[in-house]
Every structure is written in structure tokens, then in C-alpha cells.
């Protein structure tokens, strides 16, 4: 309940060993339809 309460950082890392180039998006916002319309008002991480 305190103003200074904070959640810990969570850093996601992916190790990929496939033969094909990784082309999947690394940013969450790119999974959101029409994300360009909403600026900073949608969740995002890389």
C-alpha cells in the first residue's frame, strides 16, 4: 500500500537454435492490432 512499493524487474531472454532466421517480433506491442494508433497507452516490452 506504500507509495514506494515496486515490483521487481523481469528480464525475458530466449535462446533459439533453429536453422531458419528468427523473424518473429521481439516487441510485444507488435502483436496488438493497429498498435500504431495507441502510442504509449498499450503494454509493451522487448
ModelCIF file with pLDDT and N, C-alpha, C, O atoms, coordinates in Angstrom:
data_MODEL
#
_entry.id   MODEL 
#
_entity.id                         1 
_entity.type                       polymer 
_entity.pdbx_number_of_molecules   1 
#
_entity_poly.entity_id                      1 
_entity_poly.type                           'polypeptide(L)' 
_entity_poly.nstd_linkage                   no 
_entity_poly.nstd_monomer                   no 
_entity_poly.pdbx_seq_one_letter_code       
;(UNK)(UNK)(UNK)(UNK)(UNK)(UNK)(UNK)(UNK)(UNK)(UNK)(UNK)(UNK)(UNK)(UNK)(UNK)(UNK)
(UNK)(UNK)(UNK)(UNK)(UNK)(UNK)(UNK)(UNK)(UNK)(UNK)(UNK)(UNK)(UNK)(UNK)(UNK)(UNK)
(UNK)(UNK)(UNK)(UNK)(UNK)(UNK)(UNK)(UNK)(UNK)(UNK)(UNK)(UNK)(UNK)(UNK)
;
_entity_poly.pdbx_seq_one_letter_code_can   XXXXXXXXXXXXXXXXXXXXXXXXXXXXXXXXXXXXXXXXXXXXXX 
_entity_poly.pdbx_strand_id                 A 
#
loop_
_entity_poly_seq.entity_id 
_entity_poly_seq.num 
_entity_poly_seq.mon_id 
_entity_poly_seq.hetero 
1 1  UNK n 
1 2  UNK n 
1 3  UNK n 
1 4  UNK n 
1 5  UNK n 
1 6  UNK n 
1 7  UNK n 
1 8  UNK n 
1 9  UNK n 
1 10 UNK n 
1 11 UNK n 
1 12 UNK n 
1 13 UNK n 
1 14 UNK n 
1 15 UNK n 
1 16 UNK n 
1 17 UNK n 
1 18 UNK n 
1 19 UNK n 
1 20 UNK n 
1 21 UNK n 
1 22 UNK n 
1 23 UNK n 
1 24 UNK n 
1 25 UNK n 
1 26 UNK n 
1 27 UNK n 
1 28 UNK n 
1 29 UNK n 
1 30 UNK n 
1 31 UNK n 
1 32 UNK n 
1 33 UNK n 
1 34 UNK n 
1 35 UNK n 
1 36 UNK n 
1 37 UNK n 
1 38 UNK n 
1 39 UNK n 
1 40 UNK n 
1 41 UNK n 
1 42 UNK n 
1 43 UNK n 
1 44 UNK n 
1 45 UNK n 
1 46 UNK n 
#
_struct_asym.id          A 
_struct_asym.entity_id   1 
#
loop_
_ma_qa_metric.id 
_ma_qa_metric.mode 
_ma_qa_metric.name 
_ma_qa_metric.software_group_id 
_ma_qa_metric.type 
1 global pLDDT . pLDDT 
2 local  pLDDT . pLDDT 
#
_ma_qa_metric_global.metric_id      1 
_ma_qa_metric_global.metric_value   94.35 
_ma_qa_metric_global.model_id       1 
_ma_qa_metric_global.ordinal_id     1 
#
loop_
_ma_qa_metric_local.label_asym_id 
_ma_qa_metric_local.label_comp_id 
_ma_qa_metric_local.label_seq_id 
_ma_qa_metric_local.metric_id 
_ma_qa_metric_local.metric_value 
_ma_qa_metric_local.model_id 
_ma_qa_metric_local.ordinal_id 
A UNK 1  2 93.00 1 1  
A UNK 2  2 94.00 1 2  
A UNK 3  2 95.00 1 3  
A UNK 4  2 93.00 1 4  
A UNK 5  2 95.00 1 5  
A UNK 6  2 94.00 1 6  
A UNK 7  2 95.00 1 7  
A UNK 8  2 95.00 1 8  
A UNK 9  2 96.00 1 9  
A UNK 10 2 96.00 1 10 
A UNK 11 2 97.00 1 11 
A UNK 12 2 96.00 1 12 
A UNK 13 2 97.00 1 13 
A UNK 14 2 96.00 1 14 
A UNK 15 2 95.00 1 15 
A UNK 16 2 94.00 1 16 
A UNK 17 2 90.00 1 17 
A UNK 18 2 86.00 1 18 
A UNK 19 2 80.00 1 19 
A UNK 20 2 84.00 1 20 
A UNK 21 2 89.00 1 21 
A UNK 22 2 94.00 1 22 
A UNK 23 2 92.00 1 23 
A UNK 24 2 93.00 1 24 
A UNK 25 2 95.00 1 25 
A UNK 26 2 96.00 1 26 
A UNK 27 2 97.00 1 27 
A UNK 28 2 97.00 1 28 
A UNK 29 2 97.00 1 29 
A UNK 30 2 96.00 1 30 
A UNK 31 2 96.00 1 31 
A UNK 32 2 96.00 1 32 
A UNK 33 2 96.00 1 33 
A UNK 34 2 96.00 1 34 
A UNK 35 2 96.00 1 35 
A UNK 36 2 95.00 1 36 
A UNK 37 2 97.00 1 37 
A UNK 38 2 96.00 1 38 
A UNK 39 2 94.00 1 39 
A UNK 40 2 94.00 1 40 
A UNK 41 2 96.00 1 41 
A UNK 42 2 96.00 1 42 
A UNK 43 2 95.00 1 43 
A UNK 44 2 96.00 1 44 
A UNK 45 2 97.00 1 45 
A UNK 46 2 97.00 1 46 
#
loop_
_atom_site.group_PDB 
_atom_site.id 
_atom_site.type_symbol 
_atom_site.label_atom_id 
_atom_site.label_alt_id 
_atom_site.label_comp_id 
_atom_site.label_asym_id 
_atom_site.label_entity_id 
_atom_site.label_seq_id 
_atom_site.pdbx_PDB_ins_code 
_atom_site.Cartn_x 
_atom_site.Cartn_y 
_atom_site.Cartn_z 
_atom_site.occupancy 
_atom_site.B_iso_or_equiv 
_atom_site.pdbx_formal_charge 
_atom_site.auth_seq_id 
_atom_site.auth_comp_id 
_atom_site.auth_asym_id 
_atom_site.auth_atom_id 
_atom_site.pdbx_PDB_model_num 
ATOM 1   N N  . UNK A 1 1  ? 0.813  -1.216  0.000   1.00 93.00 ? 1  UNK A N  1 
ATOM 2   C CA . UNK A 1 1  ? 0.000  0.000   0.000   1.00 93.00 ? 1  UNK A CA 1 
ATOM 3   C C  . UNK A 1 1  ? 0.847  1.267   0.000   1.00 93.00 ? 1  UNK A C  1 
ATOM 4   O O  . UNK A 1 1  ? 0.329  2.365   -0.208  1.00 93.00 ? 1  UNK A O  1 
ATOM 5   N N  . UNK A 1 2  ? 2.138  1.118   0.231   1.00 94.00 ? 2  UNK A N  1 
ATOM 6   C CA . UNK A 1 2  ? 3.010  2.298   0.322   1.00 94.00 ? 2  UNK A CA 1 
ATOM 7   C C  . UNK A 1 2  ? 3.331  2.855   -1.059  1.00 94.00 ? 2  UNK A C  1 
ATOM 8   O O  . UNK A 1 2  ? 3.387  2.120   -2.045  1.00 94.00 ? 2  UNK A O  1 
ATOM 9   N N  . UNK A 1 3  ? 3.536  4.148   -1.110  1.00 95.00 ? 3  UNK A N  1 
ATOM 10  C CA . UNK A 1 3  ? 3.830  4.826   -2.376  1.00 95.00 ? 3  UNK A CA 1 
ATOM 11  C C  . UNK A 1 3  ? 5.105  4.283   -3.015  1.00 95.00 ? 3  UNK A C  1 
ATOM 12  O O  . UNK A 1 3  ? 5.213  4.218   -4.239  1.00 95.00 ? 3  UNK A O  1 
ATOM 13  N N  . UNK A 1 4  ? 6.060  3.895   -2.187  1.00 93.00 ? 4  UNK A N  1 
ATOM 14  C CA . UNK A 1 4  ? 7.348  3.462   -2.709  1.00 93.00 ? 4  UNK A CA 1 
ATOM 15  C C  . UNK A 1 4  ? 7.416  1.992   -3.085  1.00 93.00 ? 4  UNK A C  1 
ATOM 16  O O  . UNK A 1 4  ? 8.480  1.507   -3.468  1.00 93.00 ? 4  UNK A O  1 
ATOM 17  N N  . UNK A 1 5  ? 6.292  1.263   -2.982  1.00 95.00 ? 5  UNK A N  1 
ATOM 18  C CA . UNK A 1 5  ? 6.302  -0.164  -3.319  1.00 95.00 ? 5  UNK A CA 1 
ATOM 19  C C  . UNK A 1 5  ? 6.569  -0.350  -4.801  1.00 95.00 ? 5  UNK A C  1 
ATOM 20  O O  . UNK A 1 5  ? 5.967  0.326   -5.635  1.00 95.00 ? 5  UNK A O  1 
ATOM 21  N N  . UNK A 1 6  ? 7.473  -1.266  -5.130  1.00 94.00 ? 6  UNK A N  1 
ATOM 22  C CA . UNK A 1 6  ? 7.814  -1.522  -6.516  1.00 94.00 ? 6  UNK A CA 1 
ATOM 23  C C  . UNK A 1 6  ? 7.867  -3.032  -6.792  1.00 94.00 ? 6  UNK A C  1 
ATOM 24  O O  . UNK A 1 6  ? 8.232  -3.826  -5.925  1.00 94.00 ? 6  UNK A O  1 
ATOM 25  N N  . UNK A 1 7  ? 7.495  -3.401  -8.011  1.00 95.00 ? 7  UNK A N  1 
ATOM 26  C CA . UNK A 1 7  ? 7.667  -4.783  -8.464  1.00 95.00 ? 7  UNK A CA 1 
ATOM 27  C C  . UNK A 1 7  ? 9.098  -4.971  -8.955  1.00 95.00 ? 7  UNK A C  1 
ATOM 28  O O  . UNK A 1 7  ? 9.741  -4.006  -9.367  1.00 95.00 ? 7  UNK A O  1 
ATOM 29  N N  . UNK A 1 8  ? 9.597  -6.187  -8.916  1.00 95.00 ? 8  UNK A N  1 
ATOM 30  C CA . UNK A 1 8  ? 10.950 -6.427  -9.434  1.00 95.00 ? 8  UNK A CA 1 
ATOM 31  C C  . UNK A 1 8  ? 10.953 -6.434  -10.960 1.00 95.00 ? 8  UNK A C  1 
ATOM 32  O O  . UNK A 1 8  ? 9.939  -6.719  -11.598 1.00 95.00 ? 8  UNK A O  1 
ATOM 33  N N  . UNK A 1 9  ? 12.105 -6.118  -11.527 1.00 96.00 ? 9  UNK A N  1 
ATOM 34  C CA . UNK A 1 9  ? 12.251 -6.233  -12.975 1.00 96.00 ? 9  UNK A CA 1 
ATOM 35  C C  . UNK A 1 9  ? 12.257 -7.707  -13.369 1.00 96.00 ? 9  UNK A C  1 
ATOM 36  O O  . UNK A 1 9  ? 12.813 -8.544  -12.659 1.00 96.00 ? 9  UNK A O  1 
ATOM 37  N N  . UNK A 1 10 ? 11.636 -8.017  -14.500 1.00 96.00 ? 10 UNK A N  1 
ATOM 38  C CA . UNK A 1 10 ? 11.695 -9.361  -15.074 1.00 96.00 ? 10 UNK A CA 1 
ATOM 39  C C  . UNK A 1 10 ? 12.267 -9.222  -16.484 1.00 96.00 ? 10 UNK A C  1 
ATOM 40  O O  . UNK A 1 10 ? 11.670 -8.573  -17.344 1.00 96.00 ? 10 UNK A O  1 
ATOM 41  N N  . UNK A 1 11 ? 13.424 -9.835  -16.710 1.00 97.00 ? 11 UNK A N  1 
ATOM 42  C CA . UNK A 1 11 ? 14.112 -9.723  -17.998 1.00 97.00 ? 11 UNK A CA 1 
ATOM 43  C C  . UNK A 1 11 ? 13.938 -11.031 -18.773 1.00 97.00 ? 11 UNK A C  1 
ATOM 44  O O  . UNK A 1 11 ? 14.513 -12.050 -18.390 1.00 97.00 ? 11 UNK A O  1 
ATOM 45  N N  . UNK A 1 12 ? 13.159 -11.019 -19.851 1.00 96.00 ? 12 UNK A N  1 
ATOM 46  C CA . UNK A 1 12 ? 12.965 -12.252 -20.636 1.00 96.00 ? 12 UNK A CA 1 
ATOM 47  C C  . UNK A 1 12 ? 14.079 -12.442 -21.670 1.00 96.00 ? 12 UNK A C  1 
ATOM 48  O O  . UNK A 1 12 ? 14.433 -11.512 -22.395 1.00 96.00 ? 12 UNK A O  1 
ATOM 49  N N  . UNK A 1 13 ? 14.623 -13.657 -21.726 1.00 97.00 ? 13 UNK A N  1 
ATOM 50  C CA . UNK A 1 13 ? 15.676 -13.993 -22.684 1.00 97.00 ? 13 UNK A CA 1 
ATOM 51  C C  . UNK A 1 13 ? 15.294 -15.285 -23.392 1.00 97.00 ? 13 UNK A C  1 
ATOM 52  O O  . UNK A 1 13 ? 14.753 -16.202 -22.773 1.00 97.00 ? 13 UNK A O  1 
ATOM 53  N N  . UNK A 1 14 ? 15.575 -15.356 -24.683 1.00 96.00 ? 14 UNK A N  1 
ATOM 54  C CA . UNK A 1 14 ? 15.235 -16.531 -25.484 1.00 96.00 ? 14 UNK A CA 1 
ATOM 55  C C  . UNK A 1 14 ? 16.492 -17.015 -26.204 1.00 96.00 ? 14 UNK A C  1 
ATOM 56  O O  . UNK A 1 14 ? 17.150 -16.249 -26.908 1.00 96.00 ? 14 UNK A O  1 
ATOM 57  N N  . UNK A 1 15 ? 16.816 -18.297 -26.019 1.00 95.00 ? 15 UNK A N  1 
ATOM 58  C CA . UNK A 1 15 ? 17.904 -18.928 -26.773 1.00 95.00 ? 15 UNK A CA 1 
ATOM 59  C C  . UNK A 1 15 ? 17.277 -19.780 -27.862 1.00 95.00 ? 15 UNK A C  1 
ATOM 60  O O  . UNK A 1 15 ? 16.536 -20.720 -27.573 1.00 95.00 ? 15 UNK A O  1 
ATOM 61  N N  . UNK A 1 16 ? 17.573 -19.452 -29.116 1.00 94.00 ? 16 UNK A N  1 
ATOM 62  C CA . UNK A 1 16 ? 16.981 -20.134 -30.279 1.00 94.00 ? 16 UNK A CA 1 
ATOM 63  C C  . UNK A 1 16 ? 18.090 -20.836 -31.059 1.00 94.00 ? 16 UNK A C  1 
ATOM 64  O O  . UNK A 1 16 ? 19.103 -20.219 -31.389 1.00 94.00 ? 16 UNK A O  1 
ATOM 65  N N  . UNK A 1 17 ? 17.902 -22.136 -31.357 1.00 90.00 ? 17 UNK A N  1 
ATOM 66  C CA . UNK A 1 17 ? 18.948 -22.867 -32.079 1.00 90.00 ? 17 UNK A CA 1 
ATOM 67  C C  . UNK A 1 17 ? 18.478 -23.390 -33.437 1.00 90.00 ? 17 UNK A C  1 
ATOM 68  O O  . UNK A 1 17 ? 19.112 -24.275 -34.012 1.00 90.00 ? 17 UNK A O  1 
ATOM 69  N N  . UNK A 1 18 ? 17.378 -22.853 -33.948 1.00 86.00 ? 18 UNK A N  1 
ATOM 70  C CA . UNK A 1 18 ? 16.839 -23.329 -35.220 1.00 86.00 ? 18 UNK A CA 1 
ATOM 71  C C  . UNK A 1 18 ? 17.690 -22.915 -36.408 1.00 86.00 ? 18 UNK A C  1 
ATOM 72  O O  . UNK A 1 18 ? 18.532 -22.022 -36.307 1.00 86.00 ? 18 UNK A O  1 
ATOM 73  N N  . UNK A 1 19 ? 17.458 -23.577 -37.539 1.00 80.00 ? 19 UNK A N  1 
ATOM 74  C CA . UNK A 1 19 ? 18.228 -23.315 -38.752 1.00 80.00 ? 19 UNK A CA 1 
ATOM 75  C C  . UNK A 1 19 ? 17.767 -22.052 -39.469 1.00 80.00 ? 19 UNK A C  1 
ATOM 76  O O  . UNK A 1 19 ? 18.554 -21.430 -40.182 1.00 80.00 ? 19 UNK A O  1 
ATOM 77  N N  . UNK A 1 20 ? 16.501 -21.659 -39.292 1.00 84.00 ? 20 UNK A N  1 
ATOM 78  C CA . UNK A 1 20 ? 15.970 -20.515 -40.002 1.00 84.00 ? 20 UNK A CA 1 
ATOM 79  C C  . UNK A 1 20 ? 16.184 -19.236 -39.211 1.00 84.00 ? 20 UNK A C  1 
ATOM 80  O O  . UNK A 1 20 ? 16.228 -19.256 -37.981 1.00 84.00 ? 20 UNK A O  1 
ATOM 81  N N  . UNK A 1 21 ? 16.316 -18.127 -39.921 1.00 89.00 ? 21 UNK A N  1 
ATOM 82  C CA . UNK A 1 21 ? 16.469 -16.830 -39.276 1.00 89.00 ? 21 UNK A CA 1 
ATOM 83  C C  . UNK A 1 21 ? 15.247 -16.537 -38.417 1.00 89.00 ? 21 UNK A C  1 
ATOM 84  O O  . UNK A 1 21 ? 14.118 -16.802 -38.829 1.00 89.00 ? 21 UNK A O  1 
ATOM 85  N N  . UNK A 1 22 ? 15.467 -15.995 -37.235 1.00 94.00 ? 22 UNK A N  1 
ATOM 86  C CA . UNK A 1 22 ? 14.355 -15.640 -36.347 1.00 94.00 ? 22 UNK A CA 1 
ATOM 87  C C  . UNK A 1 22 ? 13.709 -14.365 -36.863 1.00 94.00 ? 22 UNK A C  1 
ATOM 88  O O  . UNK A 1 22 ? 14.332 -13.303 -36.859 1.00 94.00 ? 22 UNK A O  1 
ATOM 89  N N  . UNK A 1 23 ? 12.464 -14.467 -37.308 1.00 92.00 ? 23 UNK A N  1 
ATOM 90  C CA . UNK A 1 23 ? 11.761 -13.307 -37.857 1.00 92.00 ? 23 UNK A CA 1 
ATOM 91  C C  . UNK A 1 23 ? 10.563 -12.909 -37.010 1.00 92.00 ? 23 UNK A C  1 
ATOM 92  O O  . UNK A 1 23 ? 9.894  -11.922 -37.317 1.00 92.00 ? 23 UNK A O  1 
ATOM 93  N N  . UNK A 1 24 ? 10.278 -13.660 -35.946 1.00 93.00 ? 24 UNK A N  1 
ATOM 94  C CA . UNK A 1 24 ? 9.169  -13.291 -35.060 1.00 93.00 ? 24 UNK A CA 1 
ATOM 95  C C  . UNK A 1 24 ? 9.493  -11.979 -34.358 1.00 93.00 ? 24 UNK A C  1 
ATOM 96  O O  . UNK A 1 24 ? 10.654 -11.687 -34.070 1.00 93.00 ? 24 UNK A O  1 
ATOM 97  N N  . UNK A 1 25 ? 8.472  -11.202 -34.090 1.00 95.00 ? 25 UNK A N  1 
ATOM 98  C CA . UNK A 1 25 ? 8.676  -9.916  -33.433 1.00 95.00 ? 25 UNK A CA 1 
ATOM 99  C C  . UNK A 1 25 ? 9.268  -10.106 -32.038 1.00 95.00 ? 25 UNK A C  1 
ATOM 100 O O  . UNK A 1 25 ? 8.927  -11.047 -31.321 1.00 95.00 ? 25 UNK A O  1 
ATOM 101 N N  . UNK A 1 26 ? 10.164 -9.188  -31.672 1.00 96.00 ? 26 UNK A N  1 
ATOM 102 C CA . UNK A 1 26 ? 10.723 -9.208  -30.318 1.00 96.00 ? 26 UNK A CA 1 
ATOM 103 C C  . UNK A 1 26 ? 9.995  -8.225  -29.401 1.00 96.00 ? 26 UNK A C  1 
ATOM 104 O O  . UNK A 1 26 ? 10.255 -8.190  -28.198 1.00 96.00 ? 26 UNK A O  1 
ATOM 105 N N  . UNK A 1 27 ? 9.097  -7.436  -29.957 1.00 97.00 ? 27 UNK A N  1 
ATOM 106 C CA . UNK A 1 27 ? 8.347  -6.469  -29.160 1.00 97.00 ? 27 UNK A CA 1 
ATOM 107 C C  . UNK A 1 27 ? 6.897  -6.909  -29.004 1.00 97.00 ? 27 UNK A C  1 
ATOM 108 O O  . UNK A 1 27 ? 6.257  -7.336  -29.965 1.00 97.00 ? 27 UNK A O  1 
ATOM 109 N N  . UNK A 1 28 ? 6.392  -6.798  -27.785 1.00 97.00 ? 28 UNK A N  1 
ATOM 110 C CA . UNK A 1 28 ? 5.025  -7.234  -27.522 1.00 97.00 ? 28 UNK A CA 1 
ATOM 111 C C  . UNK A 1 28 ? 4.007  -6.394  -28.278 1.00 97.00 ? 28 UNK A C  1 
ATOM 112 O O  . UNK A 1 28 ? 3.019  -6.932  -28.778 1.00 97.00 ? 28 UNK A O  1 
ATOM 113 N N  . UNK A 1 29 ? 4.230  -5.080  -28.373 1.00 97.00 ? 29 UNK A N  1 
ATOM 114 C CA . UNK A 1 29 ? 3.223  -4.199  -28.979 1.00 97.00 ? 29 UNK A CA 1 
ATOM 115 C C  . UNK A 1 29 ? 2.916  -4.585  -30.426 1.00 97.00 ? 29 UNK A C  1 
ATOM 116 O O  . UNK A 1 29 ? 1.828  -4.297  -30.924 1.00 97.00 ? 29 UNK A O  1 
ATOM 117 N N  . UNK A 1 30 ? 3.866  -5.236  -31.105 1.00 96.00 ? 30 UNK A N  1 
ATOM 118 C CA . UNK A 1 30 ? 3.646  -5.615  -32.499 1.00 96.00 ? 30 UNK A CA 1 
ATOM 119 C C  . UNK A 1 30 ? 2.645  -6.763  -32.635 1.00 96.00 ? 30 UNK A C  1 
ATOM 120 O O  . UNK A 1 30 ? 2.229  -7.103  -33.742 1.00 96.00 ? 30 UNK A O  1 
ATOM 121 N N  . UNK A 1 31 ? 2.261  -7.357  -31.503 1.00 96.00 ? 31 UNK A N  1 
ATOM 122 C CA . UNK A 1 31 ? 1.230  -8.383  -31.508 1.00 96.00 ? 31 UNK A CA 1 
ATOM 123 C C  . UNK A 1 31 ? -0.173 -7.775  -31.367 1.00 96.00 ? 31 UNK A C  1 
ATOM 124 O O  . UNK A 1 31 ? -1.176 -8.477  -31.491 1.00 96.00 ? 31 UNK A O  1 
ATOM 125 N N  . UNK A 1 32 ? -0.229 -6.466  -31.109 1.00 96.00 ? 32 UNK A N  1 
ATOM 126 C CA . UNK A 1 32 ? -1.503 -5.779  -30.909 1.00 96.00 ? 32 UNK A CA 1 
ATOM 127 C C  . UNK A 1 32 ? -1.986 -5.192  -32.240 1.00 96.00 ? 32 UNK A C  1 
ATOM 128 O O  . UNK A 1 32 ? -1.236 -4.500  -32.929 1.00 96.00 ? 32 UNK A O  1 
ATOM 129 N N  . UNK A 1 33 ? -3.241 -5.475  -32.592 1.00 96.00 ? 33 UNK A N  1 
ATOM 130 C CA . UNK A 1 33 ? -3.801 -4.933  -33.822 1.00 96.00 ? 33 UNK A CA 1 
ATOM 131 C C  . UNK A 1 33 ? -3.815 -3.406  -33.786 1.00 96.00 ? 33 UNK A C  1 
ATOM 132 O O  . UNK A 1 33 ? -4.159 -2.801  -32.771 1.00 96.00 ? 33 UNK A O  1 
ATOM 133 N N  . UNK A 1 34 ? -3.439 -2.798  -34.899 1.00 96.00 ? 34 UNK A N  1 
ATOM 134 C CA . UNK A 1 34 ? -3.449 -1.333  -35.044 1.00 96.00 ? 34 UNK A CA 1 
ATOM 135 C C  . UNK A 1 34 ? -2.695 -0.646  -33.910 1.00 96.00 ? 34 UNK A C  1 
ATOM 136 O O  . UNK A 1 34 ? -3.105 0.411   -33.432 1.00 96.00 ? 34 UNK A O  1 
ATOM 137 N N  . UNK A 1 35 ? -1.586 -1.258  -33.482 1.00 96.00 ? 35 UNK A N  1 
ATOM 138 C CA . UNK A 1 35 ? -0.866 -0.718  -32.321 1.00 96.00 ? 35 UNK A CA 1 
ATOM 139 C C  . UNK A 1 35 ? -0.387 0.710   -32.541 1.00 96.00 ? 35 UNK A C  1 
ATOM 140 O O  . UNK A 1 35 ? -0.213 1.461   -31.582 1.00 96.00 ? 35 UNK A O  1 
ATOM 141 N N  . UNK A 1 36 ? -0.170 1.093   -33.811 1.00 95.00 ? 36 UNK A N  1 
ATOM 142 C CA . UNK A 1 36 ? 0.350  2.433   -34.086 1.00 95.00 ? 36 UNK A CA 1 
ATOM 143 C C  . UNK A 1 36 ? -0.640 3.531   -33.701 1.00 95.00 ? 36 UNK A C  1 
ATOM 144 O O  . UNK A 1 36 ? -0.262 4.694   -33.562 1.00 95.00 ? 36 UNK A O  1 
ATOM 145 N N  . UNK A 1 37 ? -1.898 3.159   -33.531 1.00 97.00 ? 37 UNK A N  1 
ATOM 146 C CA . UNK A 1 37 ? -2.920 4.151   -33.174 1.00 97.00 ? 37 UNK A CA 1 
ATOM 147 C C  . UNK A 1 37 ? -2.864 4.553   -31.707 1.00 97.00 ? 37 UNK A C  1 
ATOM 148 O O  . UNK A 1 37 ? -3.369 5.612   -31.332 1.00 97.00 ? 37 UNK A O  1 
ATOM 149 N N  . UNK A 1 38 ? -2.258 3.720   -30.883 1.00 96.00 ? 38 UNK A N  1 
ATOM 150 C CA . UNK A 1 38 ? -2.450 3.884   -29.446 1.00 96.00 ? 38 UNK A CA 1 
ATOM 151 C C  . UNK A 1 38 ? -1.232 4.397   -28.687 1.00 96.00 ? 38 UNK A C  1 
ATOM 152 O O  . UNK A 1 38 ? -1.277 4.546   -27.466 1.00 96.00 ? 38 UNK A O  1 
ATOM 153 N N  . UNK A 1 39 ? -0.158 4.663   -29.395 1.00 94.00 ? 39 UNK A N  1 
ATOM 154 C CA . UNK A 1 39 ? 1.014  5.261   -28.765 1.00 94.00 ? 39 UNK A CA 1 
ATOM 155 C C  . UNK A 1 39 ? 1.514  4.481   -27.573 1.00 94.00 ? 39 UNK A C  1 
ATOM 156 O O  . UNK A 1 39 ? 1.709  3.267   -27.644 1.00 94.00 ? 39 UNK A O  1 
ATOM 157 N N  . UNK A 1 40 ? 1.721  5.189   -26.473 1.00 94.00 ? 40 UNK A N  1 
ATOM 158 C CA . UNK A 1 40 ? 2.249  4.583   -25.250 1.00 94.00 ? 40 UNK A CA 1 
ATOM 159 C C  . UNK A 1 40 ? 1.163  4.015   -24.342 1.00 94.00 ? 40 UNK A C  1 
ATOM 160 O O  . UNK A 1 40 ? 1.447  3.620   -23.211 1.00 94.00 ? 40 UNK A O  1 
ATOM 161 N N  . UNK A 1 41 ? -0.071 3.970   -24.824 1.00 96.00 ? 41 UNK A N  1 
ATOM 162 C CA . UNK A 1 41 ? -1.170 3.563   -23.962 1.00 96.00 ? 41 UNK A CA 1 
ATOM 163 C C  . UNK A 1 41 ? -1.475 2.073   -24.046 1.00 96.00 ? 41 UNK A C  1 
ATOM 164 O O  . UNK A 1 41 ? -2.531 1.631   -23.593 1.00 96.00 ? 41 UNK A O  1 
ATOM 165 N N  . UNK A 1 42 ? -0.576 1.308   -24.611 1.00 96.00 ? 42 UNK A N  1 
ATOM 166 C CA . UNK A 1 42 ? -0.718 -0.148  -24.604 1.00 96.00 ? 42 UNK A CA 1 
ATOM 167 C C  . UNK A 1 42 ? 0.538  -0.767  -24.013 1.00 96.00 ? 42 UNK A C  1 
ATOM 168 O O  . UNK A 1 42 ? 1.613  -0.168  -24.036 1.00 96.00 ? 42 UNK A O  1 
ATOM 169 N N  . UNK A 1 43 ? 0.385  -1.974  -23.483 1.00 95.00 ? 43 UNK A N  1 
ATOM 170 C CA . UNK A 1 43 ? 1.515  -2.671  -22.855 1.00 95.00 ? 43 UNK A CA 1 
ATOM 171 C C  . UNK A 1 43 ? 2.596  -2.967  -23.893 1.00 95.00 ? 43 UNK A C  1 
ATOM 172 O O  . UNK A 1 43 ? 2.301  -3.234  -25.058 1.00 95.00 ? 43 UNK A O  1 
ATOM 173 N N  . UNK A 1 44 ? 3.852  -2.916  -23.447 1.00 96.00 ? 44 UNK A N  1 
ATOM 174 C CA . UNK A 1 44 ? 4.942  -3.226  -24.362 1.00 96.00 ? 44 UNK A CA 1 
ATOM 175 C C  . UNK A 1 44 ? 6.181  -3.664  -23.579 1.00 96.00 ? 44 UNK A C  1 
ATOM 176 O O  . UNK A 1 44 ? 6.405  -3.219  -22.453 1.00 96.00 ? 44 UNK A O  1 
ATOM 177 N N  . UNK A 1 45 ? 6.968  -4.526  -24.181 1.00 97.00 ? 45 UNK A N  1 
ATOM 178 C CA . UNK A 1 45 ? 8.297  -4.885  -23.697 1.00 97.00 ? 45 UNK A CA 1 
ATOM 179 C C  . UNK A 1 45 ? 9.033  -5.538  -24.857 1.00 97.00 ? 45 UNK A C  1 
ATOM 180 O O  . UNK A 1 45 ? 8.419  -5.895  -25.862 1.00 97.00 ? 45 UNK A O  1 
ATOM 181 N N  . UNK A 1 46 ? 10.326 -5.694  -24.724 1.00 97.00 ? 46 UNK A N  1 
ATOM 182 C CA . UNK A 1 46 ? 11.135 -6.369  -25.735 1.00 97.00 ? 46 UNK A CA 1 
ATOM 183 C C  . UNK A 1 46 ? 11.965 -7.435  -25.050 1.00 97.00 ? 46 UNK A C  1 
ATOM 184 O O  . UNK A 1 46 ? 12.730 -8.139  -25.709 1.00 97.00 ? 46 UNK A O  1 
#
